[in-house]
Protein backbone atom coordinates (compact mmCIF):
# COMPACT_ATOMS: atom_id res chain seq x y z
CA UNK A 1 16.91 99.66 -45.57
CA UNK A 2 14.41 97.60 -47.58
CA UNK A 3 11.77 99.55 -49.42
CA UNK A 4 8.20 98.78 -48.15
CA UNK A 5 7.08 97.71 -51.62
CA UNK A 6 10.04 95.29 -51.93
CA UNK A 7 9.31 93.97 -48.43
CA UNK A 8 5.73 93.32 -49.43
CA UNK A 9 6.89 91.38 -52.51
CA UNK A 10 9.39 89.42 -50.41
CA UNK A 11 6.74 88.57 -47.84
CA UNK A 12 4.42 87.42 -50.63
CA UNK A 13 7.14 85.19 -52.12
CA UNK A 14 7.89 83.62 -48.74
CA UNK A 15 4.22 82.86 -48.05
CA UNK A 16 3.75 81.59 -51.61
CA UNK A 17 6.79 79.28 -51.31
CA UNK A 18 5.58 77.89 -47.98
CA UNK A 19 2.11 77.28 -49.38
CA UNK A 20 3.58 75.60 -52.45
CA UNK A 21 5.84 73.37 -50.38
CA UNK A 22 2.92 72.44 -48.11
CA UNK A 23 0.73 71.57 -51.08
CA UNK A 24 3.51 69.47 -52.63
CA UNK A 25 4.03 67.68 -49.33
CA UNK A 26 0.31 66.94 -49.02
CA UNK A 27 0.15 65.72 -52.60
CA UNK A 28 3.27 63.62 -52.06
CA UNK A 29 1.79 62.00 -48.94
CA UNK A 30 -1.43 61.28 -50.81
CA UNK A 31 0.47 59.69 -53.67
CA UNK A 32 2.66 57.67 -51.31
CA UNK A 33 -0.19 55.39 -50.26
CA UNK A 34 -0.95 54.26 -53.84
CA UNK A 35 0.24 50.69 -54.47
CA UNK A 36 0.49 47.32 -52.69
CA UNK A 37 1.05 47.04 -48.94
CA UNK A 38 1.64 43.73 -47.14
CA UNK A 39 0.93 43.43 -43.39
CA UNK A 40 3.74 42.07 -41.24
CA UNK A 41 2.92 39.60 -38.49
CA UNK A 42 4.57 41.29 -35.55
CA UNK A 43 4.90 41.34 -31.77
CA UNK A 44 5.65 44.61 -30.02
CA UNK A 45 7.13 43.95 -26.55
CA UNK A 46 7.26 47.57 -25.48
CA UNK A 47 6.59 51.04 -26.90
CA UNK A 48 9.43 51.37 -29.39
CA UNK A 49 10.05 51.80 -33.09
CA UNK A 50 11.65 48.35 -33.31
CA UNK A 51 9.62 45.41 -34.59
CA UNK A 52 10.20 41.79 -33.49
CA UNK A 53 8.65 38.71 -35.08
CA UNK A 54 7.07 35.59 -33.62
CA UNK A 55 9.16 32.44 -33.95
CA UNK A 56 8.03 30.00 -36.61
CA UNK A 57 5.86 27.11 -35.45
CA UNK A 58 5.68 24.39 -38.15
CA UNK A 59 2.49 22.97 -36.60
CA UNK A 60 0.68 26.28 -36.44
CA UNK A 61 -2.00 26.93 -39.07
CA UNK A 62 -0.92 30.25 -40.59
CA UNK A 63 -3.37 33.14 -40.56
CA UNK A 64 -4.46 34.45 -43.93
CA UNK A 65 -2.23 37.36 -44.81
CA UNK A 66 -3.42 40.91 -45.28
CA UNK A 67 -2.59 42.98 -48.33
CA UNK A 68 -4.08 46.28 -49.37
CA UNK A 69 -3.83 47.65 -52.89
CA UNK A 70 -4.64 51.34 -53.00
CA UNK A 71 -5.68 51.75 -56.62
CA UNK A 72 -6.27 55.51 -56.58
CA UNK A 73 -7.23 58.21 -54.09
CA UNK A 74 -10.60 56.61 -53.29
CA UNK A 75 -10.55 52.92 -54.34
CA UNK A 76 -8.86 50.05 -52.49
CA UNK A 77 -8.61 46.29 -53.05
CA UNK A 78 -8.67 44.77 -49.55
CA UNK A 79 -8.43 41.13 -50.76
CA UNK A 80 -11.45 40.54 -48.46
CA UNK A 81 -14.39 38.81 -50.14
CA UNK A 82 -17.58 40.78 -49.51
CA UNK A 83 -20.92 39.00 -49.90
CA UNK A 84 -24.63 39.67 -49.79
CA UNK A 85 -27.04 36.82 -48.96
CA UNK A 86 -29.96 36.60 -51.38
CA UNK A 87 -33.04 34.57 -50.45
CA UNK A 88 -35.21 34.21 -53.58
CA UNK A 89 -38.78 33.16 -52.78
CA UNK A 90 -39.22 29.42 -53.18
CA UNK A 91 -35.53 28.85 -54.01
CA UNK A 92 -32.31 28.06 -52.20
CA UNK A 93 -30.48 31.01 -50.71
CA UNK A 94 -27.61 32.39 -52.76
CA UNK A 95 -24.38 34.14 -51.93
CA UNK A 96 -23.89 37.16 -54.16
CA UNK A 97 -20.24 38.14 -54.36
CA UNK A 98 -19.96 41.94 -54.35
CA UNK A 99 -16.22 42.21 -54.80
CA UNK A 100 -12.95 42.81 -53.02
CA UNK A 101 -12.60 46.43 -54.16
CA UNK A 102 -14.30 49.12 -52.11
CA UNK A 103 -14.11 52.79 -51.16
CA UNK A 104 -11.70 54.31 -48.70
CA UNK A 105 -11.10 57.79 -47.33
CA UNK A 106 -8.44 59.54 -45.27
CA UNK A 107 -9.74 62.19 -42.90
CA UNK A 108 -7.61 63.84 -40.24
CA UNK A 109 -4.89 61.23 -40.73
CA UNK A 110 -7.41 58.42 -40.17
CA UNK A 111 -7.94 55.67 -42.77
CA UNK A 112 -11.51 54.39 -43.10
CA UNK A 113 -12.62 51.53 -45.38
CA UNK A 114 -16.21 50.94 -46.53
CA UNK A 115 -17.64 47.50 -45.67
CA UNK A 116 -19.59 46.34 -48.73
CA UNK A 117 -21.34 43.54 -46.82
CA UNK A 118 -22.80 45.71 -44.04
CA UNK A 119 -22.81 48.94 -46.08
CA UNK A 120 -21.01 50.94 -43.38
CA UNK A 121 -17.65 52.61 -42.86
CA UNK A 122 -15.33 50.84 -40.43
CA UNK A 123 -14.14 52.47 -37.21
CA UNK A 124 -10.97 53.67 -38.86
CA UNK A 125 -7.26 53.45 -38.04
CA UNK A 126 -4.88 56.29 -37.36
CA UNK A 127 -2.03 56.67 -39.84
CA UNK A 128 0.95 56.87 -37.50
CA UNK A 129 3.57 56.75 -40.24
CA UNK A 130 3.66 56.76 -44.02
CA UNK A 131 6.87 56.65 -46.03
CA UNK A 132 7.79 55.33 -49.45
CA UNK A 133 8.26 51.81 -48.06
CA UNK A 134 6.28 51.56 -44.80
CA UNK A 135 2.81 52.28 -43.49
CA UNK A 136 1.91 52.07 -39.79
CA UNK A 137 -1.74 52.05 -38.69
CA UNK A 138 -3.08 52.14 -35.13
CA UNK A 139 -6.60 50.86 -34.44
CA UNK A 140 -9.09 52.04 -31.81
CA UNK A 141 -7.60 49.65 -29.23
CA UNK A 142 -4.09 50.97 -29.74
CA UNK A 143 -2.86 47.93 -31.66
CA UNK A 144 -0.22 48.75 -34.24
CA UNK A 145 -0.18 47.29 -37.74
CA UNK A 146 2.95 47.59 -39.82
CA UNK A 147 2.66 47.33 -43.59
CA UNK A 148 5.57 47.21 -46.03
CA UNK A 149 5.31 48.12 -49.68
CA UNK A 150 5.16 44.94 -51.75
CA UNK A 151 5.92 44.66 -55.45
CA UNK A 152 5.18 41.65 -57.68
CA UNK A 153 7.91 40.83 -60.18
CA UNK A 154 6.23 38.77 -62.88
CA UNK A 155 6.64 38.52 -66.63
CA UNK A 156 4.26 40.50 -68.78
CA UNK A 157 3.50 37.53 -71.06
CA UNK A 158 0.93 34.93 -69.88
CA UNK A 159 2.19 31.46 -68.91
CA UNK A 160 -1.18 29.79 -69.57
CA UNK A 161 -3.84 30.07 -72.27
CA UNK A 162 -6.65 28.15 -70.53
CA UNK A 163 -7.80 27.83 -66.91
CA UNK A 164 -10.40 25.48 -65.43
CA UNK A 165 -11.70 26.04 -61.90
CA UNK A 166 -14.21 24.01 -59.88
CA UNK A 167 -15.65 24.28 -56.38
CA UNK A 168 -16.98 21.22 -54.57
CA UNK A 169 -19.43 22.80 -52.15
CA UNK A 170 -19.32 22.33 -48.39
CA UNK A 171 -21.49 21.29 -45.45
CA UNK A 172 -23.52 24.44 -45.90
CA UNK A 173 -24.32 26.78 -48.76
CA UNK A 174 -20.96 27.31 -50.45
CA UNK A 175 -21.49 28.09 -54.16
CA UNK A 176 -20.85 25.04 -56.39
CA UNK A 177 -19.57 25.92 -59.85
CA UNK A 178 -17.30 24.83 -62.69
CA UNK A 179 -15.82 27.30 -65.16
CA UNK A 180 -13.35 27.23 -68.05
CA UNK A 181 -11.88 30.33 -69.70
CA UNK A 182 -9.29 30.59 -72.47
CA UNK A 183 -7.16 33.22 -74.15
CA UNK A 184 -9.63 33.63 -77.03
CA UNK A 185 -12.17 34.89 -74.49
CA UNK A 186 -14.46 31.85 -74.53
CA UNK A 187 -16.20 31.04 -71.23
CA UNK A 188 -17.97 27.79 -70.30
CA UNK A 189 -19.82 27.94 -66.98
CA UNK A 190 -21.80 25.38 -65.04
CA UNK A 191 -23.66 26.51 -61.93
CA UNK A 192 -24.86 23.70 -59.70
CA UNK A 193 -26.06 25.04 -56.35
CA UNK A 194 -26.25 28.27 -54.32
CA UNK A 195 -25.65 30.52 -57.32
CA UNK A 196 -27.92 32.75 -59.40
CA UNK A 197 -27.24 30.85 -62.63
CA UNK A 198 -28.08 27.13 -62.51
CA UNK A 199 -27.16 25.00 -65.51
CA UNK A 200 -24.74 25.32 -68.42
CA UNK A 201 -23.85 28.66 -69.98
CA UNK A 202 -21.43 30.06 -72.54
CA UNK A 203 -20.11 33.58 -72.88
CA UNK A 204 -17.22 35.81 -73.92
CA UNK A 205 -14.70 38.00 -72.18
CA UNK A 206 -12.08 40.25 -73.71
CA UNK A 207 -8.55 38.99 -74.24
CA UNK A 208 -7.37 41.67 -71.81
CA UNK A 209 -9.77 40.35 -69.17
CA UNK A 210 -8.33 36.86 -69.58
CA UNK A 211 -4.81 38.25 -69.21
CA UNK A 212 -5.82 40.13 -66.05
CA UNK A 213 -7.27 36.97 -64.45
CA UNK A 214 -4.30 34.84 -65.53
CA UNK A 215 -1.93 37.48 -64.12
CA UNK A 216 -3.60 37.30 -60.70
CA UNK A 217 -2.90 33.56 -60.57
CA UNK A 218 0.69 34.04 -61.78
CA UNK A 219 1.37 36.20 -58.73
CA UNK A 220 1.18 32.93 -56.77
CA UNK A 221 4.01 31.38 -58.86
CA UNK A 222 1.72 28.54 -59.89
CA UNK A 223 4.37 26.20 -61.26
CA UNK A 224 6.24 26.28 -57.93
CA UNK A 225 3.20 25.36 -55.80
CA UNK A 226 2.30 21.98 -54.34
CA UNK A 227 -0.39 19.86 -55.99
CA UNK A 228 -2.50 19.76 -52.87
CA UNK A 229 -3.25 21.92 -49.83
CA UNK A 230 -5.50 20.69 -47.04
CA UNK A 231 -6.96 22.10 -43.83
CA UNK A 232 -7.14 20.09 -40.60
CA UNK A 233 -10.88 20.67 -40.21
CA UNK A 234 -13.88 19.06 -41.92
CA UNK A 235 -16.98 20.13 -43.88
CA UNK A 236 -15.19 22.79 -45.95
CA UNK A 237 -15.02 23.19 -49.73
CA UNK A 238 -12.31 22.08 -52.14
CA UNK A 239 -11.29 24.44 -54.92
CA UNK A 240 -9.47 22.73 -57.78
CA UNK A 241 -7.77 24.72 -60.51
CA UNK A 242 -6.13 23.45 -63.69
CA UNK A 243 -3.77 25.52 -65.86
CA UNK A 244 -3.07 24.67 -69.51
CA UNK A 245 -0.79 25.80 -72.31
CA UNK A 246 -1.49 24.78 -75.91
CA UNK A 247 -3.90 22.08 -74.77
CA UNK A 248 -1.54 20.50 -72.23
CA UNK A 249 -2.16 20.51 -68.49
CA UNK A 250 0.81 22.26 -66.90
CA UNK A 251 -0.42 22.27 -63.30
CA UNK A 252 -3.44 21.24 -61.23
CA UNK A 253 -3.94 22.30 -57.62
CA UNK A 254 -6.50 21.05 -55.11
CA UNK A 255 -7.06 23.39 -52.18
CA UNK A 256 -9.24 22.10 -49.33
CA UNK A 257 -10.30 24.81 -46.91
CA UNK A 258 -8.52 27.52 -48.94
CA UNK A 259 -5.26 26.88 -47.12
CA UNK A 260 -3.09 27.51 -50.17
CA UNK A 261 -0.74 30.49 -50.42
CA UNK A 262 -2.29 33.94 -50.01
CA UNK A 263 -1.80 34.94 -53.64
CA UNK A 264 -3.55 31.77 -54.85
CA UNK A 265 -6.54 32.30 -52.56
CA UNK A 266 -6.72 35.99 -53.51
CA UNK A 267 -6.87 35.02 -57.20
CA UNK A 268 -9.89 32.70 -56.85
CA UNK A 269 -12.66 35.36 -56.80
CA UNK A 270 -11.64 36.86 -60.15
CA UNK A 271 -12.53 33.53 -61.82
CA UNK A 272 -15.06 31.75 -59.58
CA UNK A 273 -17.40 34.78 -59.57
CA UNK A 274 -16.77 35.88 -63.15
CA UNK A 275 -20.24 34.61 -64.13
CA UNK A 276 -21.86 37.44 -62.16
CA UNK A 277 -20.23 40.15 -64.28
CA UNK A 278 -20.58 38.97 -67.86
CA UNK A 279 -23.36 38.17 -70.32
CA UNK A 280 -23.99 34.42 -70.51
CA UNK A 281 -26.25 32.42 -72.80
CA UNK A 282 -27.82 29.31 -71.30
CA UNK A 283 -27.25 26.04 -73.18
CA UNK A 284 -30.20 23.77 -73.88
CA UNK A 285 -29.45 20.95 -71.46
CA UNK A 286 -31.84 18.57 -73.22
CA UNK A 287 -29.48 18.64 -76.21
CA UNK A 288 -26.59 17.42 -74.10
CA UNK A 289 -26.68 13.59 -74.14
CA UNK A 290 -27.76 12.04 -70.84
CA UNK A 291 -24.80 9.65 -70.96
CA UNK A 292 -22.62 12.69 -70.16
CA UNK A 293 -24.48 13.18 -66.89
CA UNK A 294 -21.40 12.49 -64.73
CA UNK A 295 -18.13 13.85 -63.38
CA UNK A 296 -15.04 12.99 -61.25
CA UNK A 297 -13.48 10.72 -63.86
CA UNK A 298 -10.96 8.05 -62.96
CA UNK A 299 -8.90 5.93 -65.35
CA UNK A 300 -8.22 2.36 -64.24
CA UNK A 301 -5.92 -0.31 -65.66
CA UNK A 302 -5.49 -3.45 -63.58
CA UNK A 303 -3.97 -2.28 -60.28
CA UNK A 304 -3.17 1.22 -61.58
CA UNK A 305 -5.47 4.22 -61.23
CA UNK A 306 -5.47 7.89 -62.27
CA UNK A 307 -8.05 10.05 -60.49
CA UNK A 308 -8.75 13.41 -62.09
CA UNK A 309 -9.46 16.47 -59.98
CA UNK A 310 -12.86 18.13 -60.33
CA UNK A 311 -11.43 20.84 -62.60
CA UNK A 312 -9.63 18.22 -64.75
CA UNK A 313 -12.84 16.19 -64.97
CA UNK A 314 -14.80 19.23 -66.11
CA UNK A 315 -12.14 19.81 -68.75
CA UNK A 316 -12.45 16.24 -70.02
CA UNK A 317 -16.25 16.47 -69.83
CA UNK A 318 -16.08 19.47 -72.16
CA UNK A 319 -13.86 17.56 -74.61
CA UNK A 320 -16.47 14.78 -74.63
CA UNK A 321 -19.27 17.31 -75.11
CA UNK A 322 -17.52 18.74 -78.18
CA UNK A 323 -16.35 15.35 -79.48
CA UNK A 324 -17.73 13.45 -82.47
CA UNK A 325 -19.80 10.25 -82.44
CA UNK A 326 -17.84 7.72 -84.52
CA UNK A 327 -17.62 4.06 -85.43
CA UNK A 328 -14.13 3.01 -84.41
CA UNK A 329 -12.17 -0.03 -83.33
CA UNK A 330 -9.55 0.68 -80.68
CA UNK A 331 -7.73 -0.93 -77.81
CA UNK A 332 -9.89 -0.08 -74.81
CA UNK A 333 -7.12 -0.63 -72.31
CA UNK A 334 -8.61 1.62 -69.63
CA UNK A 335 -11.88 1.51 -67.78
CA UNK A 336 -13.10 4.95 -66.83
CA UNK A 337 -14.94 5.17 -63.52
CA UNK A 338 -17.05 8.19 -62.66
CA UNK A 339 -19.37 9.72 -60.12
CA UNK A 340 -22.90 10.28 -61.33
CA UNK A 341 -24.21 13.78 -60.83
CA UNK A 342 -27.94 14.08 -61.18
CA UNK A 343 -27.84 17.84 -61.41
CA UNK A 344 -25.66 17.75 -64.50
CA UNK A 345 -27.31 18.08 -67.90
CA UNK A 346 -30.01 17.10 -68.20
CA UNK A 347 -30.97 17.55 -64.56
CA UNK A 348 -33.05 14.98 -62.72
CA UNK A 349 -36.26 17.00 -63.25
CA UNK A 350 -35.65 17.05 -67.02
CA UNK A 351 -34.95 13.33 -67.40
CA UNK A 352 -37.49 10.57 -66.79
CA UNK A 353 -36.41 7.89 -64.33
CA UNK A 354 -33.34 9.90 -63.31
CA UNK A 355 -32.68 7.66 -60.31
CA UNK A 356 -33.38 4.38 -62.10
CA UNK A 357 -29.94 2.89 -62.68
CA UNK A 358 -31.39 0.41 -65.21
CA UNK A 359 -33.16 3.09 -67.27
CA UNK A 360 -32.33 3.60 -70.93
CA UNK A 361 -29.25 5.81 -71.49
CA UNK A 362 -27.84 4.95 -68.07
CA UNK A 363 -24.18 4.08 -68.22
CA UNK A 364 -23.03 0.56 -67.38
CA UNK A 365 -19.36 1.25 -68.06
CA UNK A 366 -16.90 3.32 -70.10
CA UNK A 367 -13.83 1.98 -71.92
CA UNK A 368 -11.19 4.18 -73.53
CA UNK A 369 -7.69 4.38 -74.94
CA UNK A 370 -7.43 8.08 -74.07
CA UNK A 371 -8.83 9.36 -77.36
CA UNK A 372 -11.87 7.19 -78.02
CA UNK A 373 -14.49 6.73 -75.29
CA UNK A 374 -17.11 4.00 -75.63
CA UNK A 375 -20.17 4.29 -73.39
CA UNK A 376 -21.85 0.95 -72.64
CA UNK A 377 -25.48 1.90 -72.01
CA UNK A 378 -28.57 0.14 -70.75
CA UNK A 379 -31.23 -0.40 -73.41
CA UNK A 380 -29.29 0.69 -76.50
CA UNK A 381 -26.19 0.14 -78.57
CA UNK A 382 -22.80 1.38 -77.30
CA UNK A 383 -21.76 4.88 -78.34
CA UNK A 384 -18.19 5.99 -79.08
CA UNK A 385 -16.94 9.58 -78.84
CA UNK A 386 -13.71 10.75 -80.45
CA UNK A 387 -12.27 13.82 -78.66
CA UNK A 388 -9.62 14.19 -81.37
CA UNK A 389 -6.50 13.48 -79.31
CA UNK A 390 -5.17 11.20 -76.60
CA UNK A 391 -5.95 12.93 -73.31
CA UNK A 392 -3.46 10.81 -71.39
CA UNK A 393 -0.40 11.10 -73.63
CA UNK A 394 -0.98 14.82 -74.19
CA UNK A 395 -1.03 15.49 -70.45
CA UNK A 396 2.24 13.99 -69.31
CA UNK A 397 1.96 15.45 -65.82
CA UNK A 398 -0.98 13.17 -65.06
CA UNK A 399 0.44 10.07 -63.39
CA UNK A 400 -1.07 6.72 -62.53
CA UNK A 401 -0.61 5.29 -59.04
CA UNK A 402 -1.19 1.90 -57.49
CA UNK A 403 -4.69 1.20 -56.22
CA UNK A 404 -5.16 1.25 -52.48
CA UNK A 405 -6.71 -1.73 -50.70
CA UNK A 406 -10.07 -0.05 -50.17
CA UNK A 407 -10.43 1.11 -53.79
């Protein structure tokens, strides 16, 4: 017969053990959700635990994937770009990017995510299953979403030490920007339209911040991607991104309609909206020569042509901006065509006769050998800029092609 006092102690130990196990289980379940989860595209034919997949249609435009990164017990990166529309009095409307990271909460086995755009919690989805490698959510309509844990296996060391990104704008109010960052932390930003900062700016970021941005792009396996991605619709924006190592272009990608791989598209916001989060000092645009008021460079030699992407052109523009005025004789074997941009420094409201193609400082033509660039100008002597190296021989991945009949 067990003594009452011993029975009391035994009962206490049993209840304590159960409570401890329950607490550990709850903590374990809470910890399980931390990490990356990738949504599977699935088709459930009948109520069952089995999952079947749609057959691949090569002509079908793939939906943008869904990935959640649960950072801690209250913060999630949804990979969704949240925006607020700002309408300053007397100015163009602006899109203020407010992030991809937001709050989440789990209440009574229901996951709710806070919508930063509308400032409300979503309707929530029931957590039907959560294990170390799978997460099943059921929405209010009974639709099941199956997520699998997803890990990125990338090297810790950066592949690139400089990134240039440009956005073209669209038939609407898509932000138009150009930005260059490098591993030293230097930032060059040009805001053209539909952004809070219009004009040229410079700033600094930490080396760790550069590594974090570069790492987001490396998740897309940049060197394995195509040079161009294009949507089947019109009036959308093109995002061009150029990646460099030790001054050499290693890869450039043009993405029309943001139809590139998920990881590439998810990496864009960290760089294209960087200007909103850091201190920037505006450059005096009147000190930037008006003969640099152009972009979209194209090298031409007889029937051969090399068209630079917008991000490559901004890169070359920056080399010209930092170059030295010299007196030099060289073999100008290339003509360099360009597109004039009246909003580039100085803008049309800062330069007299901005639209007068015969005005002083207006460019008649540009000749170059890759290193030296001579600007033939109306109303004054030619000017030559030395960028310090041959842009064409240094960037071996840039290839000439034969001109098309309409060019």
